[in-house]
Amino acid sequence: MCVCVCVCVCVCVCVCVCITVEAEYNYLKNRAVYIYTQHVHENLFVRRPSLS
């Protein structure tokens, strides 16, 4: 499933744009989750000595 937010002159071009956008969205989403998870681990690692 891909969403097109553009007026396409050729169906082939529209499909290629959709696949690229979807791939970039998934990459950015996975990247954001990775950064968020890493950030949480860093916070836990930093706060652990303070709690003890």
PDB file of N, CA and C in Angstrom:
ATOM      1  N   MET A   1       0.848  -1.201   0.000  1.00  0.00           N
ATOM      2  CA  MET A   1       0.000   0.000   0.000  1.00  0.00           C
ATOM      3  C   MET A   1       0.874   1.238   0.000  1.00  0.00           C
ATOM      4  N   CYS A   2       0.593   2.111  -0.947  1.00  0.00           N
ATOM      5  CA  CYS A   2       1.364   3.345  -1.003  1.00  0.00           C
ATOM      6  C   CYS A   2       0.433   4.505  -1.293  1.00  0.00           C
ATOM      7  N   VAL A   3       0.744   5.656  -0.758  1.00  0.00           N
ATOM      8  CA  VAL A   3      -0.100   6.828  -0.937  1.00  0.00           C
ATOM      9  C   VAL A   3       0.595   7.843  -1.834  1.00  0.00           C
ATOM     10  N   CYS A   4      -0.116   8.284  -2.853  1.00  0.00           N
ATOM     11  CA  CYS A   4       0.447   9.290  -3.761  1.00  0.00           C
ATOM     12  C   CYS A   4      -0.200  10.640  -3.475  1.00  0.00           C
ATOM     13  N   VAL A   5       0.629  11.650  -3.280  1.00  0.00           N
ATOM     14  CA  VAL A   5       0.109  12.998  -3.047  1.00  0.00           C
ATOM     15  C   VAL A   5       0.610  13.900  -4.170  1.00  0.00           C
ATOM     16  N   CYS A   6       0.470  13.400  -5.387  1.00  0.00           N
ATOM     17  CA  CYS A   6       0.973  14.176  -6.514  1.00  0.00           C
ATOM     18  C   CYS A   6       0.167  13.846  -7.758  1.00  0.00           C
ATOM     19  N   VAL A   7       0.153  14.770  -8.705  1.00  0.00           N
ATOM     20  CA  VAL A   7      -0.535  14.542  -9.971  1.00  0.00           C
ATOM     21  C   VAL A   7       0.464  13.938 -10.939  1.00  0.00           C
ATOM     22  N   CYS A   8       0.177  12.722 -11.387  1.00  0.00           N
ATOM     23  CA  CYS A   8       1.141  12.012 -12.233  1.00  0.00           C
ATOM     24  C   CYS A   8       0.709  12.030 -13.693  1.00  0.00           C
ATOM     25  N   VAL A   9       1.692  12.259 -14.553  1.00  0.00           N
ATOM     26  CA  VAL A   9       1.411  12.237 -15.981  1.00  0.00           C
ATOM     27  C   VAL A   9       1.490  10.802 -16.494  1.00  0.00           C
ATOM     28  N   CYS A  10       2.398  10.037 -15.891  1.00  0.00           N
ATOM     29  CA  CYS A  10       2.562   8.639 -16.281  1.00  0.00           C
ATOM     30  C   CYS A  10       2.351   7.760 -15.047  1.00  0.00           C
ATOM     31  N   VAL A  11       1.663   6.619 -15.227  1.00  0.00           N
ATOM     32  CA  VAL A  11       1.393   5.719 -14.117  1.00  0.00           C
ATOM     33  C   VAL A  11       2.696   5.152 -13.563  1.00  0.00           C
ATOM     34  N   CYS A  12       3.649   4.889 -14.436  1.00  0.00           N
ATOM     35  CA  CYS A  12       4.925   4.316 -14.004  1.00  0.00           C
ATOM     36  C   CYS A  12       5.643   5.262 -13.058  1.00  0.00           C
ATOM     37  N   VAL A  13       5.654   6.546 -13.394  1.00  0.00           N
ATOM     38  CA  VAL A  13       6.325   7.540 -12.559  1.00  0.00           C
ATOM     39  C   VAL A  13       5.638   7.620 -11.200  1.00  0.00           C
ATOM     40  N   CYS A  14       4.318   7.576 -11.193  1.00  0.00           N
ATOM     41  CA  CYS A  14       3.563   7.665  -9.948  1.00  0.00           C
ATOM     42  C   CYS A  14       3.901   6.488  -9.043  1.00  0.00           C
ATOM     43  N   VAL A  15       3.972   5.304  -9.591  1.00  0.00           N
ATOM     44  CA  VAL A  15       4.287   4.120  -8.806  1.00  0.00           C
ATOM     45  C   VAL A  15       5.683   4.234  -8.204  1.00  0.00           C
ATOM     46  N   CYS A  16       6.653   4.670  -8.977  1.00  0.00           N
ATOM     47  CA  CYS A  16       8.030   4.801  -8.495  1.00  0.00           C
ATOM     48  C   CYS A  16       8.101   5.810  -7.354  1.00  0.00           C
ATOM     49  N   VAL A  17       7.390   6.918  -7.470  1.00  0.00           N
ATOM     50  CA  VAL A  17       7.386   7.935  -6.429  1.00  0.00           C
ATOM     51  C   VAL A  17       6.767   7.376  -5.157  1.00  0.00           C
ATOM     52  N   CYS A  18       5.694   6.603  -5.299  1.00  0.00           N
ATOM     53  CA  CYS A  18       5.020   6.033  -4.131  1.00  0.00           C
ATOM     54  C   CYS A  18       5.947   5.075  -3.386  1.00  0.00           C
ATOM     55  N   ILE A  19       6.612   4.198  -4.118  1.00  0.00           N
ATOM     56  CA  ILE A  19       7.503   3.220  -3.498  1.00  0.00           C
ATOM     57  C   ILE A  19       8.635   3.937  -2.767  1.00  0.00           C
ATOM     58  N   THR A  20       9.189   4.989  -3.383  1.00  0.00           N
ATOM     59  CA  THR A  20      10.295   5.731  -2.769  1.00  0.00           C
ATOM     60  C   THR A  20       9.831   6.406  -1.491  1.00  0.00           C
ATOM     61  N   VAL A  21       8.675   7.037  -1.529  1.00  0.00           N
ATOM     62  CA  VAL A  21       8.152   7.726  -0.351  1.00  0.00           C
ATOM     63  C   VAL A  21       7.888   6.742   0.775  1.00  0.00           C
ATOM     64  N   GLU A  22       7.293   5.610   0.445  1.00  0.00           N
ATOM     65  CA  GLU A  22       6.972   4.611   1.467  1.00  0.00           C
ATOM     66  C   GLU A  22       8.253   4.049   2.081  1.00  0.00           C
ATOM     67  N   ALA A  23       9.249   3.804   1.246  1.00  0.00           N
ATOM     68  CA  ALA A  23      10.517   3.268   1.735  1.00  0.00           C
ATOM     69  C   ALA A  23      11.193   4.288   2.657  1.00  0.00           C
ATOM     70  N   GLU A  24      11.188   5.554   2.270  1.00  0.00           N
ATOM     71  CA  GLU A  24      11.800   6.591   3.097  1.00  0.00           C
ATOM     72  C   GLU A  24      11.042   6.740   4.414  1.00  0.00           C
ATOM     73  N   TYR A  25       9.715   6.643   4.386  1.00  0.00           N
ATOM     74  CA  TYR A  25       8.921   6.766   5.602  1.00  0.00           C
ATOM     75  C   TYR A  25       9.243   5.626   6.573  1.00  0.00           C
ATOM     76  N   ASN A  26       9.320   4.405   6.047  1.00  0.00           N
ATOM     77  CA  ASN A  26       9.650   3.260   6.900  1.00  0.00           C
ATOM     78  C   ASN A  26      11.059   3.400   7.460  1.00  0.00           C
ATOM     79  N   TYR A  27      11.981   3.908   6.633  1.00  0.00           N
ATOM     80  CA  TYR A  27      13.363   4.084   7.090  1.00  0.00           C
ATOM     81  C   TYR A  27      13.414   5.124   8.204  1.00  0.00           C
ATOM     82  N   LEU A  28      12.724   6.240   8.007  1.00  0.00           N
ATOM     83  CA  LEU A  28      12.732   7.300   9.016  1.00  0.00           C
ATOM     84  C   LEU A  28      12.043   6.829  10.292  1.00  0.00           C
ATOM     85  N   LYS A  29      10.965   6.055  10.155  1.00  0.00           N
ATOM     86  CA  LYS A  29      10.250   5.563  11.330  1.00  0.00           C
ATOM     87  C   LYS A  29      11.132   4.597  12.116  1.00  0.00           C
ATOM     88  N   ASN A  30      11.787   3.679  11.406  1.00  0.00           N
ATOM     89  CA  ASN A  30      12.678   2.730  12.077  1.00  0.00           C
ATOM     90  C   ASN A  30      13.857   3.457  12.703  1.00  0.00           C
ATOM     91  N   ARG A  31      14.355   4.467  12.015  1.00  0.00           N
ATOM     92  CA  ARG A  31      15.477   5.250  12.524  1.00  0.00           C
ATOM     93  C   ARG A  31      15.060   5.984  13.797  1.00  0.00           C
ATOM     94  N   ALA A  32      13.846   6.537  13.799  1.00  0.00           N
ATOM     95  CA  ALA A  32      13.358   7.256  14.972  1.00  0.00           C
ATOM     96  C   ALA A  32      13.207   6.313  16.155  1.00  0.00           C
ATOM     97  N   VAL A  33      12.688   5.114  15.908  1.00  0.00           N
ATOM     98  CA  VAL A  33      12.534   4.126  16.982  1.00  0.00           C
ATOM     99  C   VAL A  33      13.899   3.725  17.518  1.00  0.00           C
ATOM    100  N   TYR A  34      14.874   3.561  16.622  1.00  0.00           N
ATOM    101  CA  TYR A  34      16.230   3.176  17.040  1.00  0.00           C
ATOM    102  C   TYR A  34      16.844   4.269  17.906  1.00  0.00           C
ATOM    103  N   ILE A  35      16.707   5.528  17.458  1.00  0.00           N
ATOM    104  CA  ILE A  35      17.264   6.651  18.225  1.00  0.00           C
ATOM    105  C   ILE A  35      16.555   6.761  19.571  1.00  0.00           C
ATOM    106  N   TYR A  36      15.223   6.609  19.584  1.00  0.00           N
ATOM    107  CA  TYR A  36      14.461   6.714  20.828  1.00  0.00           C
ATOM    108  C   TYR A  36      14.876   5.613  21.798  1.00  0.00           C
ATOM    109  N   THR A  37      15.015   4.396  21.285  1.00  0.00           N
ATOM    110  CA  THR A  37      15.424   3.277  22.149  1.00  0.00           C
ATOM    111  C   THR A  37      16.820   3.507  22.702  1.00  0.00           C
ATOM    112  N   GLN A  38      17.718   3.980  21.850  1.00  0.00           N
ATOM    113  CA  GLN A  38      19.086   4.232  22.286  1.00  0.00           C
ATOM    114  C   GLN A  38      19.091   5.337  23.341  1.00  0.00           C
ATOM    115  N   HIS A  39      18.266   6.348  23.145  1.00  0.00           N
ATOM    116  CA  HIS A  39      18.194   7.464  24.081  1.00  0.00           C
ATOM    117  C   HIS A  39      17.696   6.986  25.443  1.00  0.00           C
ATOM    118  N   VAL A  40      16.700   6.111  25.441  1.00  0.00           N
ATOM    119  CA  VAL A  40      16.162   5.578  26.697  1.00  0.00           C
ATOM    120  C   VAL A  40      17.226   4.766  27.429  1.00  0.00           C
ATOM    121  N   HIS A  41      17.950   3.930  26.692  1.00  0.00           N
ATOM    122  CA  HIS A  41      19.004   3.120  27.309  1.00  0.00           C
ATOM    123  C   HIS A  41      20.086   4.013  27.906  1.00  0.00           C
ATOM    124  N   GLU A  42      20.418   5.103  27.202  1.00  0.00           N
ATOM    125  CA  GLU A  42      21.448   6.012  27.705  1.00  0.00           C
ATOM    126  C   GLU A  42      20.972   6.676  28.995  1.00  0.00           C
ATOM    127  N   ASN A  43      19.698   7.065  29.033  1.00  0.00           N
ATOM    128  CA  ASN A  43      19.166   7.693  30.239  1.00  0.00           C
ATOM    129  C   ASN A  43      19.185   6.723  31.417  1.00  0.00           C
ATOM    130  N   LEU A  44      18.793   5.473  31.176  1.00  0.00           N
ATOM    131  CA  LEU A  44      18.798   4.479  32.250  1.00  0.00           C
ATOM    132  C   LEU A  44      20.227   4.235  32.734  1.00  0.00           C
ATOM    133  N   PHE A  45      21.156   4.226  31.794  1.00  0.00           N
ATOM    134  CA  PHE A  45      22.551   3.983  32.153  1.00  0.00           C
ATOM    135  C   PHE A  45      23.112   5.147  32.964  1.00  0.00           C
ATOM    136  N   VAL A  46      22.685   6.356  32.622  1.00  0.00           N
ATOM    137  CA  VAL A  46      23.184   7.535  33.336  1.00  0.00           C
ATOM    138  C   VAL A  46      22.533   7.658  34.707  1.00  0.00           C
ATOM    139  N   ARG A  47      21.250   7.318  34.797  1.00  0.00           N
ATOM    140  CA  ARG A  47      20.528   7.504  36.063  1.00  0.00           C
ATOM    141  C   ARG A  47      20.810   6.390  37.068  1.00  0.00           C
ATOM    142  N   ARG A  48      21.271   5.250  36.606  1.00  0.00           N
ATOM    143  CA  ARG A  48      21.470   4.114  37.504  1.00  0.00           C
ATOM    144  C   ARG A  48      22.452   4.433  38.636  1.00  0.00           C
ATOM    145  N   PRO A  49      23.618   5.029  38.370  1.00  0.00           N
ATOM    146  CA  PRO A  49      24.549   5.354  39.457  1.00  0.00           C
ATOM    147  C   PRO A  49      23.944   6.342  40.460  1.00  0.00           C
ATOM    148  N   SER A  50      23.128   7.275  39.973  1.00  0.00           N
ATOM    149  CA  SER A  50      22.529   8.273  40.857  1.00  0.00           C
ATOM    150  C   SER A  50      21.553   7.619  41.835  1.00  0.00           C
ATOM    151  N   LEU A  51      20.793   6.630  41.348  1.00  0.00           N
ATOM    152  CA  LEU A  51      19.825   5.963  42.216  1.00  0.00           C
ATOM    153  C   LEU A  51      20.538   5.125  43.283  1.00  0.00           C
ATOM    154  N   SER A  52      21.661   4.541  42.918  1.00  0.00           N
ATOM    155  CA  SER A  52      22.376   3.699  43.874  1.00  0.00           C
ATOM    156  C   SER A  52      23.285   4.563  44.741  1.00  0.00           C
TER     157      SER A  52
END
